[in-house]
Amino acid sequence: MKILNVSYILQNNEVISGKSLAFEKTIIKIAPLDELIQIYPEAEVIDTPANSLVMPGLINAHVHLEFSANKTQLEYGNFMPWLSSVIKNREDLIEGAHEAMQVATHKMLLSGITTFGAVSSHGMDLEAAENAKQNVVFFNEIIGSQATMADALLDDFKSRLAASESVKRDGFYPGVAIHSPYSVHPALIKKAIEIAWLKKYPLSAHYLESPAEREWLDHNEGDLKPFFNEFLKQDYAVNTSKDFLSLFKDTPTLFTHVVQANDDEYKAIKENGHSIIHCPISNRLLGNGGLDLDIIKGHNIKWLCATDGLSSNYTLSLFEEMKIALFMHKETALLPLAKSLLNSVTIDAAKALNLNTGEIQEGKNSDLIVMDLGEEASEQLPLHIILQNYPLTHRYINGKFVEVTN
């Protein structure tokens, strides 16, 4: 048993003072320090700096580790030149991936991320995810649009899934991902969804990321057409947007990007209990447009903020991602947006991933970060948490202190 002596607790965006936490793997009790010491006289009391705040550890629900070696090799500004640069530089990026993936998980930990969702296309990131100190939801991704390759692709997917299921460490959870409607044959999508449903695994998919995808799915035209003609000898999309979305009916899914969706698609997302993962930096760098958070709010759709991978980002810091979102969504009221962003990387992300974390509440897992505010908490603290880059002094994952060096 430990008692964390702090000045403030951030609980559902409300700042609570005068209370501390008693915790083991889970949070046991929230009460004034003197009361906790009286109840648990043998507990270790952990003092923190004056004006320190404890809040839930951050959850990065969507990150690709496999291309973490990228810095300047890939082309930004438009989706199709970026995709071409990924294909061109793939082997060089993979060659430097092993060390880069370890660095990536460490940098996420430095920035307060205690849980992440790793979307794995090839399984080469399994070791890095297994060895990471964070909780990990490991999304094994299925990809392939050619019917003649379906059996081989399904066998490969099942093999990678089984490898992730063999990881037994605390805080590691297998999951299933479908790459996108334009890149996965519907027969494979149905099989992957069935597996996720039977095993009760979290399910994720990219959906309507770019204008090129929208044009290809709707009209079998646009910038993706020569790509599919050249590489796959394919001149039509294997799914329409509507047909793709219908495959996930009654199977709650985390759909990433969704910046090109229409009103009917948003309604279907809401009706089937899906969530949207918003990656603002990635959307900007690839020229895909931005998610209209006010429309999403109007449809009452849960949304999360995530970094995507270093193939389409310069950072894996959720604090930086949230800061960019504050300025990108200039029409949305500032303080409510800050609160929504913090929820999107804590409580809302935990619920979408079905994890017992993301809140400072009794019974929740002790995934905690402590930051030194340096002064008394202001009424706009949720906003300043995003803006001010407060130093982190303590990190706990499943109740265990995690020592981090720069």
Protein backbone atom coordinates (compact mmCIF):
# COMPACT_ATOMS: atom_id res chain seq x y z
CA MET A 1 0.00 0.00 0.00
CA LYS A 2 1.19 3.50 -0.91
CA ILE A 3 -0.22 6.91 -0.10
CA LEU A 4 0.39 9.66 -2.65
CA ASN A 5 0.53 13.03 -0.90
CA VAL A 6 -0.46 15.65 -3.49
CA SER A 7 -1.90 19.15 -3.50
CA TYR A 8 -4.48 18.54 -6.20
CA ILE A 9 -6.34 15.70 -7.88
CA LEU A 10 -7.80 16.05 -11.39
CA GLN A 11 -11.01 14.06 -11.32
CA ASN A 12 -13.18 14.27 -14.45
CA ASN A 13 -11.78 17.74 -15.16
CA GLU A 14 -12.64 18.93 -11.66
CA VAL A 15 -9.75 20.03 -9.45
CA ILE A 16 -9.95 18.57 -5.95
CA SER A 17 -7.71 19.86 -3.17
CA GLY A 18 -7.08 18.59 0.34
CA LYS A 19 -7.18 14.90 -0.54
CA SER A 20 -4.62 12.19 -1.30
CA LEU A 21 -4.65 8.67 -2.76
CA ALA A 22 -4.12 5.30 -1.13
CA PHE A 23 -3.36 2.76 -3.83
CA GLU A 24 -1.96 -0.62 -4.78
CA LYS A 25 -2.59 -1.96 -8.28
CA THR A 26 -5.90 -0.14 -8.05
CA ILE A 27 -6.90 3.06 -6.28
CA ILE A 28 -8.12 1.97 -2.84
CA LYS A 29 -9.28 5.19 -1.20
CA ILE A 30 -9.36 8.95 -1.81
CA ALA A 31 -9.40 10.97 1.40
CA PRO A 32 -7.45 13.60 3.39
CA LEU A 33 -3.86 12.57 4.11
CA ASP A 34 -4.30 12.32 7.90
CA GLU A 35 -7.30 10.02 7.46
CA LEU A 36 -5.43 7.74 5.06
CA ILE A 37 -2.44 7.49 7.40
CA GLN A 38 -4.78 6.58 10.26
CA ILE A 39 -6.51 3.88 8.21
CA TYR A 40 -3.27 2.52 6.67
CA PRO A 41 -0.53 3.18 9.24
CA GLU A 42 1.92 0.81 7.53
CA ALA A 43 1.56 2.40 4.10
CA GLU A 44 4.48 4.17 2.41
CA VAL A 45 3.77 7.91 2.18
CA ILE A 46 5.10 9.43 -1.04
CA ASP A 47 5.61 13.18 -0.82
CA THR A 48 5.46 15.29 -3.97
CA PRO A 49 6.43 18.91 -4.67
CA ALA A 50 4.22 21.72 -3.41
CA ASN A 51 1.38 22.48 -5.82
CA SER A 52 1.63 19.07 -7.45
CA LEU A 53 -1.28 17.47 -9.29
CA VAL A 54 -2.10 13.81 -9.88
CA MET A 55 -4.16 12.91 -12.94
CA PRO A 56 -4.81 9.74 -14.94
CA GLY A 57 -1.99 8.54 -17.14
CA LEU A 58 -2.57 9.36 -20.79
CA ILE A 59 -3.89 6.80 -23.31
CA ASN A 60 -2.66 6.98 -26.92
CA ALA A 61 -5.28 4.81 -28.57
CA HIS A 62 -3.73 4.72 -32.06
CA VAL A 63 -0.03 4.57 -32.86
CA HIS A 64 2.00 2.75 -35.52
CA LEU A 65 5.39 1.74 -34.12
CA GLU A 66 6.69 -0.04 -37.22
CA PHE A 67 7.74 3.13 -39.08
CA SER A 68 9.20 4.88 -36.03
CA ALA A 69 12.54 5.33 -37.81
CA ASN A 70 11.07 8.02 -40.05
CA LYS A 71 12.20 11.62 -39.56
CA THR A 72 12.47 13.32 -42.94
CA GLN A 73 12.30 10.43 -45.44
CA LEU A 74 8.57 10.66 -46.14
CA GLU A 75 6.78 13.32 -48.18
CA TYR A 76 4.11 15.44 -46.50
CA GLY A 77 1.40 17.72 -47.89
CA ASN A 78 -0.84 15.26 -49.72
CA PHE A 79 -1.93 11.68 -49.08
CA MET A 80 -0.88 10.09 -52.38
CA PRO A 81 2.72 11.46 -52.51
CA TRP A 82 3.04 10.38 -48.87
CA LEU A 83 1.81 6.87 -49.67
CA SER A 84 4.23 6.63 -52.60
CA SER A 85 7.09 7.74 -50.35
CA VAL A 86 6.16 5.07 -47.79
CA ILE A 87 6.40 2.39 -50.48
CA LYS A 88 9.67 3.81 -51.80
CA ASN A 89 11.35 4.09 -48.37
CA ARG A 90 9.76 1.08 -46.70
CA GLU A 91 12.85 -1.15 -46.62
CA ASP A 92 15.12 1.59 -45.25
CA LEU A 93 12.61 2.45 -42.54
CA ILE A 94 12.16 -1.17 -41.53
CA GLU A 95 15.93 -1.65 -41.34
CA GLY A 96 16.19 1.00 -38.63
CA ALA A 97 12.94 0.11 -36.91
CA HIS A 98 14.07 -2.10 -34.02
CA GLU A 99 15.86 0.55 -32.01
CA ALA A 100 13.49 3.29 -33.17
CA MET A 101 10.45 1.42 -31.82
CA GLN A 102 12.07 1.09 -28.40
CA VAL A 103 12.87 4.80 -28.42
CA ALA A 104 9.28 5.54 -29.40
CA THR A 105 7.77 3.64 -26.47
CA HIS A 106 10.25 5.36 -24.12
CA LYS A 107 9.36 8.82 -25.44
CA MET A 108 5.68 8.10 -24.96
CA LEU A 109 6.39 7.18 -21.36
CA LEU A 110 8.40 10.39 -20.88
CA SER A 111 5.39 12.39 -22.02
CA GLY A 112 2.98 10.69 -19.60
CA ILE A 113 1.48 7.98 -21.82
CA THR A 114 0.83 4.96 -19.60
CA THR A 115 -1.26 3.02 -22.14
CA PHE A 116 -1.09 2.85 -25.93
CA GLY A 117 -2.83 1.04 -28.76
CA ALA A 118 -0.24 -0.32 -31.20
CA VAL A 119 -1.63 -0.97 -34.68
CA SER A 120 0.63 -3.69 -36.08
CA SER A 121 0.69 -4.45 -39.80
CA HIS A 122 3.46 -7.04 -39.84
CA GLY A 123 4.10 -8.10 -36.23
CA MET A 124 7.63 -6.71 -36.24
CA ASP A 125 6.67 -4.39 -33.36
CA LEU A 126 5.50 -7.19 -31.07
CA GLU A 127 8.78 -7.39 -29.16
CA ALA A 128 8.89 -3.63 -28.58
CA ALA A 129 5.28 -3.65 -27.39
CA GLU A 130 5.87 -6.66 -25.15
CA ASN A 131 8.93 -5.03 -23.58
CA ALA A 132 7.30 -1.61 -23.16
CA LYS A 133 6.61 -0.51 -19.61
CA GLN A 134 3.14 0.72 -20.53
CA ASN A 135 -0.14 -1.08 -20.84
CA VAL A 136 -0.52 -2.07 -24.50
CA VAL A 137 -3.51 -2.96 -26.64
CA PHE A 138 -1.86 -4.74 -29.56
CA PHE A 139 -4.07 -4.38 -32.65
CA ASN A 140 -3.13 -7.08 -35.16
CA GLU A 141 -4.03 -5.56 -38.51
CA ILE A 142 -5.41 -7.45 -41.50
CA ILE A 143 -4.80 -6.04 -44.97
CA GLY A 144 -5.24 -7.25 -48.55
CA SER A 145 -7.86 -6.56 -51.23
CA GLN A 146 -7.24 -9.46 -53.63
CA ALA A 147 -9.67 -12.38 -53.30
CA THR A 148 -7.07 -14.84 -54.64
CA MET A 149 -4.79 -14.05 -51.68
CA ALA A 150 -7.49 -14.11 -49.02
CA ASP A 151 -6.67 -17.51 -47.51
CA ALA A 152 -2.94 -16.76 -47.23
CA LEU A 153 -3.59 -13.32 -45.77
CA LEU A 154 -6.03 -14.73 -43.22
CA ASP A 155 -3.53 -17.39 -42.17
CA ASP A 156 -0.83 -14.73 -41.74
CA PHE A 157 -3.20 -12.61 -39.66
CA LYS A 158 -4.13 -15.56 -37.45
CA SER A 159 -0.46 -16.41 -36.95
CA ARG A 160 0.36 -12.85 -35.84
CA LEU A 161 -2.69 -12.78 -33.59
CA ALA A 162 -1.62 -16.05 -31.94
CA ALA A 163 1.86 -14.61 -31.34
CA SER A 164 0.36 -11.63 -29.54
CA GLU A 165 -1.92 -13.93 -27.52
CA SER A 166 1.17 -15.76 -26.25
CA VAL A 167 2.32 -12.59 -24.44
CA LYS A 168 1.15 -13.05 -20.87
CA ARG A 169 2.54 -10.00 -19.09
CA ASP A 170 0.28 -7.81 -16.99
CA GLY A 171 -1.24 -4.98 -18.99
CA PHE A 172 -0.88 -6.52 -22.47
CA TYR A 173 -4.09 -7.06 -24.44
CA PRO A 174 -4.48 -8.47 -27.99
CA GLY A 175 -6.78 -6.67 -30.41
CA VAL A 176 -7.88 -6.74 -34.05
CA ALA A 177 -7.58 -4.04 -36.71
CA ILE A 178 -8.85 -3.78 -40.28
CA HIS A 179 -6.62 -1.51 -42.35
CA SER A 180 -9.25 0.36 -44.40
CA PRO A 181 -12.23 -0.10 -46.74
CA TYR A 182 -10.08 0.31 -49.84
CA SER A 183 -7.38 -2.15 -48.82
CA VAL A 184 -9.20 -5.15 -47.31
CA HIS A 185 -11.48 -7.58 -49.11
CA PRO A 186 -14.93 -7.87 -47.47
CA ALA A 187 -14.45 -11.62 -46.90
CA LEU A 188 -11.38 -10.87 -44.80
CA ILE A 189 -13.16 -8.07 -42.96
CA LYS A 190 -15.99 -10.42 -41.99
CA LYS A 191 -13.54 -13.04 -40.71
CA ALA A 192 -11.57 -10.49 -38.67
CA ILE A 193 -14.72 -8.97 -37.14
CA GLU A 194 -15.99 -12.45 -36.26
CA ILE A 195 -12.71 -13.27 -34.50
CA ALA A 196 -12.77 -9.99 -32.56
CA TRP A 197 -16.40 -10.55 -31.56
CA LEU A 198 -15.86 -14.16 -30.43
CA LYS A 199 -12.74 -13.32 -28.44
CA LYS A 200 -14.16 -10.02 -27.14
CA TYR A 201 -11.13 -8.14 -28.47
CA PRO A 202 -11.15 -4.41 -29.17
CA LEU A 203 -11.58 -3.63 -32.87
CA SER A 204 -10.10 -0.76 -34.87
CA ALA A 205 -10.11 0.40 -38.50
CA HIS A 206 -8.96 3.35 -40.61
CA TYR A 207 -11.96 4.94 -42.29
CA LEU A 208 -12.38 7.82 -44.74
CA GLU A 209 -9.00 9.39 -44.11
CA SER A 210 -8.44 11.18 -47.43
CA PRO A 211 -10.30 12.77 -50.36
CA ALA A 212 -8.64 10.12 -52.56
CA GLU A 213 -10.26 7.37 -50.50
CA ARG A 214 -13.66 9.05 -50.70
CA GLU A 215 -13.45 9.32 -54.50
CA TRP A 216 -12.26 5.73 -54.93
CA LEU A 217 -14.95 4.22 -52.71
CA ASP A 218 -17.77 6.29 -54.20
CA HIS A 219 -16.85 6.37 -57.90
CA ASN A 220 -13.87 4.03 -58.54
CA GLU A 221 -12.01 7.12 -59.66
CA GLY A 222 -9.49 9.63 -58.35
CA ASP A 223 -5.88 9.52 -57.20
CA LEU A 224 -6.08 5.98 -55.83
CA LYS A 225 -7.10 4.51 -59.19
CA PRO A 226 -3.64 4.54 -60.85
CA PHE A 227 -2.16 3.21 -57.59
CA PHE A 228 -4.44 0.15 -57.62
CA ASN A 229 -4.02 -0.31 -61.36
CA GLU A 230 -0.24 -0.29 -61.12
CA PHE A 231 0.32 -2.37 -58.01
CA LEU A 232 -2.70 -4.69 -57.90
CA LYS A 233 -4.13 -4.63 -61.45
CA GLN A 234 -7.41 -3.58 -59.85
CA ASP A 235 -9.75 -0.98 -61.34
CA TYR A 236 -12.57 -0.96 -58.81
CA ALA A 237 -12.91 -0.63 -55.02
CA VAL A 238 -13.62 -3.85 -53.13
CA ASN A 239 -15.99 -1.98 -50.77
CA THR A 240 -18.22 1.04 -50.89
CA SER A 241 -18.16 3.25 -47.84
CA LYS A 242 -21.71 2.26 -46.91
CA ASP A 243 -21.11 -1.48 -47.38
CA PHE A 244 -17.90 -1.29 -45.34
CA LEU A 245 -19.62 0.46 -42.45
CA SER A 246 -22.50 -2.03 -42.51
CA LEU A 247 -20.08 -4.89 -41.82
CA PHE A 248 -19.46 -3.44 -38.35
CA LYS A 249 -23.13 -3.27 -37.40
CA ASP A 250 -23.58 -3.89 -33.66
CA THR A 251 -19.81 -4.40 -33.24
CA PRO A 252 -18.44 -1.26 -31.51
CA THR A 253 -15.29 -0.20 -33.33
CA LEU A 254 -12.67 2.54 -33.07
CA PHE A 255 -12.66 4.25 -36.47
CA THR A 256 -9.56 6.35 -37.07
CA HIS A 257 -9.60 9.70 -38.95
CA VAL A 258 -13.15 9.79 -40.48
CA VAL A 259 -12.50 13.32 -41.79
CA GLN A 260 -14.31 12.71 -45.11
CA ALA A 261 -17.55 11.23 -43.71
CA ASN A 262 -21.03 12.51 -44.48
CA ASP A 263 -24.04 12.95 -42.23
CA ASP A 264 -25.49 9.48 -42.89
CA GLU A 265 -22.17 7.86 -42.04
CA TYR A 266 -21.92 9.82 -38.79
CA LYS A 267 -25.45 8.67 -37.91
CA ALA A 268 -24.48 5.03 -38.53
CA ILE A 269 -21.35 5.46 -36.40
CA LYS A 270 -23.46 6.78 -33.53
CA GLU A 271 -26.23 4.17 -33.89
CA ASN A 272 -23.77 1.28 -33.69
CA GLY A 273 -21.82 2.58 -30.71
CA HIS A 274 -18.59 3.28 -32.59
CA SER A 275 -15.95 5.82 -31.55
CA ILE A 276 -13.78 8.10 -33.69
CA ILE A 277 -10.02 8.47 -33.18
CA HIS A 278 -8.90 11.97 -34.12
CA CYS A 279 -5.27 12.47 -35.24
CA PRO A 280 -5.04 16.21 -36.03
CA ILE A 281 -1.31 16.43 -36.81
CA SER A 282 -1.41 13.44 -39.14
CA ASN A 283 -4.48 14.81 -40.93
CA ARG A 284 -2.74 18.14 -41.47
CA LEU A 285 0.59 16.72 -42.63
CA LEU A 286 -1.06 14.41 -45.16
CA GLY A 287 -3.41 17.13 -46.45
CA ASN A 288 -6.56 15.22 -45.57
CA GLY A 289 -8.61 17.97 -43.96
CA GLY A 290 -9.80 18.12 -40.37
CA LEU A 291 -12.45 16.49 -38.25
CA ASP A 292 -15.31 18.86 -37.41
CA LEU A 293 -15.61 18.31 -33.66
CA ASP A 294 -18.77 20.40 -33.40
CA ILE A 295 -20.52 18.11 -35.93
CA ILE A 296 -19.25 15.08 -34.00
CA LYS A 297 -20.61 16.61 -30.79
CA GLY A 298 -23.92 17.25 -32.52
CA HIS A 299 -24.16 13.54 -33.33
CA ASN A 300 -23.13 12.70 -29.75
CA ILE A 301 -20.27 10.48 -30.99
CA LYS A 302 -17.47 9.66 -28.59
CA TRP A 303 -14.09 10.70 -29.95
CA LEU A 304 -10.51 10.17 -28.83
CA CYS A 305 -7.33 12.08 -29.60
CA ALA A 306 -4.28 10.06 -30.68
CA THR A 307 -0.94 10.66 -32.37
CA ASP A 308 -0.96 8.11 -35.20
CA GLY A 309 2.62 6.98 -35.97
CA LEU A 310 5.87 8.73 -36.74
CA SER A 311 5.28 8.04 -40.42
CA SER A 312 2.78 10.93 -40.29
CA ASN A 313 3.81 12.86 -37.20
CA TYR A 314 6.90 14.47 -35.68
CA THR A 315 6.01 13.52 -32.11
CA LEU A 316 4.26 10.86 -30.05
CA SER A 317 3.40 13.32 -27.27
CA LEU A 318 -0.30 13.58 -26.57
CA PHE A 319 0.27 16.92 -24.86
CA GLU A 320 1.63 18.26 -28.17
CA GLU A 321 -1.20 16.61 -30.11
CA MET A 322 -3.80 18.20 -27.85
CA LYS A 323 -2.08 21.58 -28.11
CA ILE A 324 -2.20 21.44 -31.91
CA ALA A 325 -5.88 20.48 -31.70
CA LEU A 326 -6.61 23.54 -29.55
CA PHE A 327 -5.36 25.80 -32.33
CA MET A 328 -6.65 23.73 -35.25
CA HIS A 329 -10.26 23.78 -34.03
CA LYS A 330 -10.46 27.54 -33.77
CA GLU A 331 -14.25 27.73 -33.97
CA THR A 332 -14.74 25.55 -30.87
CA ALA A 333 -14.90 27.20 -27.43
CA LEU A 334 -11.44 26.96 -25.85
CA LEU A 335 -11.93 25.70 -22.29
CA PRO A 336 -14.65 23.16 -23.15
CA LEU A 337 -12.40 21.88 -25.94
CA ALA A 338 -9.48 21.51 -23.52
CA LYS A 339 -11.67 19.48 -21.17
CA SER A 340 -12.92 17.30 -24.02
CA LEU A 341 -9.35 16.71 -25.20
CA LEU A 342 -8.23 15.63 -21.73
CA ASN A 343 -11.20 13.27 -21.48
CA SER A 344 -10.39 11.93 -24.95
CA VAL A 345 -6.97 10.70 -23.80
CA THR A 346 -8.10 9.42 -20.39
CA ILE A 347 -11.61 8.33 -19.42
CA ASP A 348 -13.11 8.21 -22.93
CA ALA A 349 -10.13 6.31 -24.35
CA ALA A 350 -10.28 3.80 -21.49
CA LYS A 351 -13.99 3.16 -22.09
CA ALA A 352 -13.50 2.75 -25.84
CA LEU A 353 -10.70 0.23 -25.23
CA ASN A 354 -12.66 -1.44 -22.41
CA LEU A 355 -9.87 -0.87 -19.88
CA ASN A 356 -10.26 -0.32 -16.13
CA THR A 357 -8.30 2.91 -16.10
CA GLY A 358 -8.46 6.54 -17.24
CA GLU A 359 -9.96 7.98 -14.03
CA ILE A 360 -8.93 8.92 -10.53
CA GLN A 361 -11.64 6.84 -8.91
CA GLU A 362 -11.61 4.12 -6.27
CA GLY A 363 -11.39 0.71 -7.94
CA LYS A 364 -9.72 1.99 -11.11
CA ASN A 365 -6.23 0.82 -12.01
CA SER A 366 -3.46 3.02 -10.62
CA ASP A 367 -2.18 4.42 -13.92
CA LEU A 368 -1.16 7.83 -12.67
CA ILE A 369 1.06 10.78 -13.53
CA VAL A 370 2.08 13.56 -11.15
CA MET A 371 2.96 17.00 -12.50
CA ASP A 372 4.54 19.97 -10.76
CA LEU A 373 2.32 22.99 -11.42
CA GLY A 374 4.77 25.37 -9.73
CA GLU A 375 1.87 27.51 -8.47
CA GLU A 376 -1.68 27.21 -7.22
CA ALA A 377 -4.15 25.64 -9.64
CA SER A 378 -6.18 28.12 -11.65
CA GLU A 379 -9.83 27.88 -12.70
CA GLN A 380 -8.65 27.14 -16.26
CA LEU A 381 -6.31 24.34 -15.20
CA PRO A 382 -7.46 21.84 -17.89
CA LEU A 383 -6.40 24.38 -20.52
CA HIS A 384 -3.05 25.08 -18.87
CA ILE A 385 -2.28 21.37 -18.49
CA ILE A 386 -2.24 21.25 -22.28
CA LEU A 387 -0.46 24.57 -22.84
CA GLN A 388 2.21 24.80 -20.16
CA ASN A 389 4.25 21.60 -20.50
CA TYR A 390 4.37 21.07 -16.73
CA PRO A 391 7.19 18.73 -15.66
CA LEU A 392 6.17 15.19 -14.70
CA THR A 393 7.68 14.02 -11.42
CA HIS A 394 6.08 10.58 -10.96
CA ARG A 395 4.59 7.89 -13.19
CA TYR A 396 2.75 4.82 -11.93
CA ILE A 397 1.47 1.96 -14.08
CA ASN A 398 -0.77 -0.62 -12.39
CA GLY A 399 0.38 0.83 -9.08
CA LYS A 400 4.10 0.41 -9.75
CA PHE A 401 6.44 3.38 -9.83
CA VAL A 402 8.15 3.66 -13.22
CA GLU A 403 11.52 5.31 -13.16
CA VAL A 404 12.23 7.23 -16.35
CA THR A 405 15.47 8.82 -17.49
CA ASN A 406 15.82 11.20 -20.40
